[in-house]
N, C-alpha and C. Protein backbone atom coordinates (compact mmCIF):
# COMPACT_ATOMS: atom_id res chain seq x y z
N MET A 1 181.01 89.87 123.74
CA MET A 1 180.19 89.22 122.77
C MET A 1 179.26 90.26 122.15
N THR A 2 179.16 90.26 120.85
CA THR A 2 178.29 91.18 120.13
C THR A 2 177.35 90.37 119.25
N LYS A 3 176.09 90.81 119.21
CA LYS A 3 175.11 90.14 118.37
C LYS A 3 174.30 91.20 117.66
N THR A 4 174.12 91.04 116.38
CA THR A 4 173.33 91.98 115.58
C THR A 4 172.17 91.21 114.97
N ILE A 5 170.95 91.73 115.18
CA ILE A 5 169.77 91.10 114.60
C ILE A 5 168.88 92.19 114.01
N PRO A 6 168.14 91.88 112.96
CA PRO A 6 167.19 92.85 112.42
C PRO A 6 165.96 92.95 113.33
N LEU A 7 165.43 94.14 113.46
CA LEU A 7 164.21 94.34 114.24
C LEU A 7 163.09 94.69 113.26
N HIS A 8 162.25 93.74 112.92
CA HIS A 8 161.12 93.96 112.04
C HIS A 8 160.02 94.63 112.86
N LEU A 9 159.69 95.86 112.56
CA LEU A 9 158.77 96.64 113.38
C LEU A 9 157.31 96.31 113.15
N ASP A 10 157.02 95.33 112.31
CA ASP A 10 155.63 94.99 112.01
C ASP A 10 155.06 93.93 112.95
N GLY A 11 155.84 93.49 113.94
CA GLY A 11 155.34 92.50 114.89
C GLY A 11 155.50 91.07 114.42
N SER A 12 156.14 90.87 113.27
CA SER A 12 156.34 89.49 112.82
C SER A 12 157.46 88.84 113.65
N PRO A 13 157.27 87.58 114.03
CA PRO A 13 158.26 86.93 114.90
C PRO A 13 159.55 86.56 114.16
N THR A 14 160.65 86.63 114.89
CA THR A 14 161.94 86.15 114.39
C THR A 14 162.41 85.06 115.36
N VAL A 15 163.05 84.05 114.83
CA VAL A 15 163.52 82.93 115.66
C VAL A 15 165.04 82.91 115.59
N GLU A 16 165.67 82.80 116.77
CA GLU A 16 167.13 82.75 116.87
C GLU A 16 167.52 81.64 117.83
N ILE A 17 168.81 81.37 117.87
CA ILE A 17 169.35 80.43 118.83
C ILE A 17 170.11 81.23 119.90
N SER A 18 169.80 80.99 121.15
CA SER A 18 170.46 81.69 122.25
C SER A 18 171.94 81.33 122.29
N PRO A 19 172.82 82.34 122.37
CA PRO A 19 174.25 82.04 122.47
C PRO A 19 174.62 81.48 123.86
N VAL A 20 173.73 81.63 124.82
CA VAL A 20 174.02 81.19 126.18
C VAL A 20 173.79 79.69 126.34
N ASP A 21 172.58 79.23 126.01
CA ASP A 21 172.27 77.81 126.24
C ASP A 21 171.83 77.07 124.97
N LYS A 22 171.94 77.74 123.82
CA LYS A 22 171.62 77.14 122.51
C LYS A 22 170.14 76.78 122.34
N SER A 23 169.27 77.35 123.18
CA SER A 23 167.83 77.10 123.04
C SER A 23 167.24 78.04 121.98
N GLN A 24 166.07 77.69 121.49
CA GLN A 24 165.37 78.50 120.49
C GLN A 24 164.65 79.65 121.19
N VAL A 25 164.84 80.86 120.67
CA VAL A 25 164.21 82.06 121.24
C VAL A 25 163.43 82.75 120.13
N THR A 26 162.18 83.07 120.42
CA THR A 26 161.34 83.82 119.48
C THR A 26 161.23 85.25 119.96
N GLY A 27 161.38 86.18 119.06
CA GLY A 27 161.28 87.60 119.40
C GLY A 27 160.29 88.31 118.51
N VAL A 28 159.56 89.24 119.11
CA VAL A 28 158.59 90.06 118.38
C VAL A 28 158.91 91.52 118.68
N THR A 29 159.08 92.31 117.63
CA THR A 29 159.40 93.73 117.78
C THR A 29 158.29 94.55 117.14
N LYS A 30 157.89 95.62 117.84
CA LYS A 30 156.86 96.49 117.26
C LYS A 30 156.96 97.89 117.86
N MET A 31 156.42 98.84 117.13
CA MET A 31 156.32 100.21 117.64
C MET A 31 155.09 100.28 118.53
N GLU A 32 155.21 101.03 119.63
CA GLU A 32 154.10 101.18 120.56
C GLU A 32 153.98 102.63 121.02
N GLU A 33 152.96 102.88 121.79
CA GLU A 33 152.69 104.21 122.35
C GLU A 33 152.67 105.28 121.26
N GLY A 34 151.98 104.96 120.18
CA GLY A 34 151.84 105.92 119.09
C GLY A 34 153.15 106.26 118.40
N GLY A 35 154.09 105.31 118.38
CA GLY A 35 155.37 105.52 117.73
C GLY A 35 156.44 106.11 118.64
N LYS A 36 156.15 106.24 119.93
CA LYS A 36 157.12 106.83 120.87
C LYS A 36 158.22 105.86 121.28
N CYS A 37 157.98 104.55 121.11
CA CYS A 37 158.98 103.58 121.54
C CYS A 37 158.94 102.34 120.66
N ILE A 38 160.02 101.57 120.75
CA ILE A 38 160.11 100.27 120.10
C ILE A 38 160.25 99.24 121.20
N THR A 39 159.41 98.21 121.16
CA THR A 39 159.42 97.17 122.19
C THR A 39 159.75 95.83 121.54
N ARG A 40 160.63 95.10 122.20
CA ARG A 40 160.99 93.74 121.76
C ARG A 40 160.68 92.77 122.88
N ASN A 41 159.92 91.74 122.56
CA ASN A 41 159.56 90.69 123.52
C ASN A 41 160.21 89.39 123.06
N ASP A 42 161.12 88.86 123.88
CA ASP A 42 161.80 87.60 123.59
C ASP A 42 161.32 86.54 124.57
N TYR A 43 161.04 85.36 124.05
CA TYR A 43 160.60 84.26 124.92
C TYR A 43 161.07 82.94 124.32
N GLY A 44 161.36 82.00 125.20
CA GLY A 44 161.84 80.69 124.79
C GLY A 44 160.71 79.69 124.72
N ALA A 45 160.83 78.76 123.80
CA ALA A 45 159.82 77.71 123.66
C ALA A 45 159.84 76.83 124.91
N GLY A 46 158.69 76.68 125.54
CA GLY A 46 158.58 75.83 126.71
C GLY A 46 159.24 76.39 127.95
N SER A 47 159.55 77.67 127.94
CA SER A 47 160.23 78.29 129.08
C SER A 47 159.29 79.25 129.78
N ASP A 48 159.46 79.40 131.08
CA ASP A 48 158.67 80.39 131.81
C ASP A 48 159.44 81.71 131.94
N LYS A 49 160.52 81.85 131.19
CA LYS A 49 161.32 83.07 131.20
C LYS A 49 161.04 83.87 129.94
N SER A 50 161.01 85.19 130.09
CA SER A 50 160.87 86.07 128.93
C SER A 50 161.52 87.41 129.25
N GLN A 51 161.72 88.19 128.21
CA GLN A 51 162.37 89.48 128.37
C GLN A 51 161.68 90.48 127.47
N ILE A 52 161.40 91.66 128.01
CA ILE A 52 160.84 92.75 127.23
C ILE A 52 161.80 93.93 127.32
N ILE A 53 162.24 94.41 126.17
CA ILE A 53 163.13 95.56 126.12
C ILE A 53 162.39 96.68 125.40
N THR A 54 162.26 97.82 126.07
CA THR A 54 161.56 98.97 125.49
C THR A 54 162.57 100.10 125.33
N ARG A 55 162.62 100.67 124.13
CA ARG A 55 163.58 101.72 123.81
C ARG A 55 162.87 103.00 123.41
N TYR A 56 163.30 104.10 124.02
CA TYR A 56 162.74 105.42 123.72
C TYR A 56 163.87 106.34 123.25
N LEU A 57 163.65 107.08 122.18
CA LEU A 57 164.53 108.17 121.80
C LEU A 57 163.80 109.44 122.22
N GLU A 58 164.30 110.07 123.27
CA GLU A 58 163.63 111.23 123.85
C GLU A 58 163.81 112.47 122.98
N LYS A 59 162.94 113.45 123.17
CA LYS A 59 162.98 114.68 122.36
C LYS A 59 164.30 115.43 122.52
N ASN A 60 164.93 115.32 123.69
CA ASN A 60 166.18 116.03 123.92
C ASN A 60 167.39 115.27 123.39
N GLY A 61 167.16 114.11 122.75
CA GLY A 61 168.23 113.31 122.19
C GLY A 61 168.71 112.18 123.08
N ASP A 62 168.24 112.14 124.34
CA ASP A 62 168.61 111.04 125.23
C ASP A 62 167.97 109.75 124.74
N TYR A 63 168.57 108.64 125.12
CA TYR A 63 168.10 107.30 124.73
C TYR A 63 167.83 106.52 126.00
N THR A 64 166.58 106.09 126.20
CA THR A 64 166.19 105.36 127.41
C THR A 64 165.88 103.92 127.04
N VAL A 65 166.42 102.99 127.84
CA VAL A 65 166.19 101.56 127.62
C VAL A 65 165.67 100.95 128.92
N ILE A 66 164.49 100.34 128.84
CA ILE A 66 163.92 99.63 129.99
C ILE A 66 163.94 98.15 129.67
N ASN A 67 164.60 97.38 130.54
CA ASN A 67 164.75 95.94 130.34
C ASN A 67 164.02 95.23 131.47
N CYS A 68 163.02 94.43 131.12
CA CYS A 68 162.23 93.70 132.10
C CYS A 68 162.41 92.21 131.85
N LEU A 69 163.01 91.53 132.82
CA LEU A 69 163.29 90.10 132.71
C LEU A 69 162.36 89.36 133.65
N MET A 70 161.49 88.50 133.09
CA MET A 70 160.57 87.69 133.88
C MET A 70 161.17 86.30 134.02
N LEU A 71 161.41 85.87 135.26
CA LEU A 71 162.09 84.62 135.51
C LEU A 71 161.17 83.49 135.92
N GLY A 72 159.89 83.71 135.88
CA GLY A 72 158.94 82.68 136.32
C GLY A 72 158.70 82.78 137.81
N GLU A 73 157.66 82.11 138.26
CA GLU A 73 157.27 82.12 139.67
C GLU A 73 157.11 83.55 140.21
N GLY A 74 156.76 84.48 139.33
CA GLY A 74 156.49 85.85 139.75
C GLY A 74 157.72 86.72 139.96
N LYS A 75 158.92 86.20 139.71
CA LYS A 75 160.13 86.98 139.91
C LYS A 75 160.41 87.83 138.68
N VAL A 76 160.59 89.14 138.90
CA VAL A 76 160.83 90.08 137.81
C VAL A 76 162.03 90.95 138.16
N ILE A 77 162.93 91.13 137.21
CA ILE A 77 164.05 92.04 137.36
C ILE A 77 163.89 93.12 136.30
N GLU A 78 163.89 94.39 136.73
CA GLU A 78 163.71 95.48 135.78
C GLU A 78 164.83 96.49 135.96
N THR A 79 165.40 96.92 134.84
CA THR A 79 166.42 97.96 134.87
C THR A 79 166.00 99.08 133.92
N LYS A 80 166.45 100.28 134.23
CA LYS A 80 166.20 101.43 133.36
C LYS A 80 167.52 102.16 133.20
N ASN A 81 167.95 102.31 131.96
CA ASN A 81 169.20 103.01 131.66
C ASN A 81 168.89 104.20 130.78
N ILE A 82 169.49 105.33 131.11
CA ILE A 82 169.33 106.54 130.31
C ILE A 82 170.70 106.94 129.79
N TYR A 83 170.79 107.05 128.48
CA TYR A 83 172.04 107.44 127.83
C TYR A 83 171.87 108.88 127.36
N ASN A 84 172.67 109.78 127.90
CA ASN A 84 172.54 111.18 127.59
C ASN A 84 173.26 111.54 126.29
N LYS A 85 172.62 112.41 125.53
CA LYS A 85 173.23 112.91 124.31
C LYS A 85 174.41 113.80 124.72
N LEU A 86 175.53 113.59 124.09
CA LEU A 86 176.72 114.39 124.42
C LEU A 86 176.81 115.60 123.53
């Protein structure tokens, strides 16, 4: 499954429908850390679940993605992937 969405870096919210459960998801994308990264925060209406994805393009050309999934009741799953420039 592939999904393409625009990332408005000004922090304005975008609303989409989740392909998984058809619920409404609001996302906010903005540059942070003085322009070092782009962060996207997705959250569902009336849900205690949210996801924050932070993307860094490193000086050496590597691409780092940190995905933090908050499942409610204090449960958090975080992954960090580094894609090396070939």
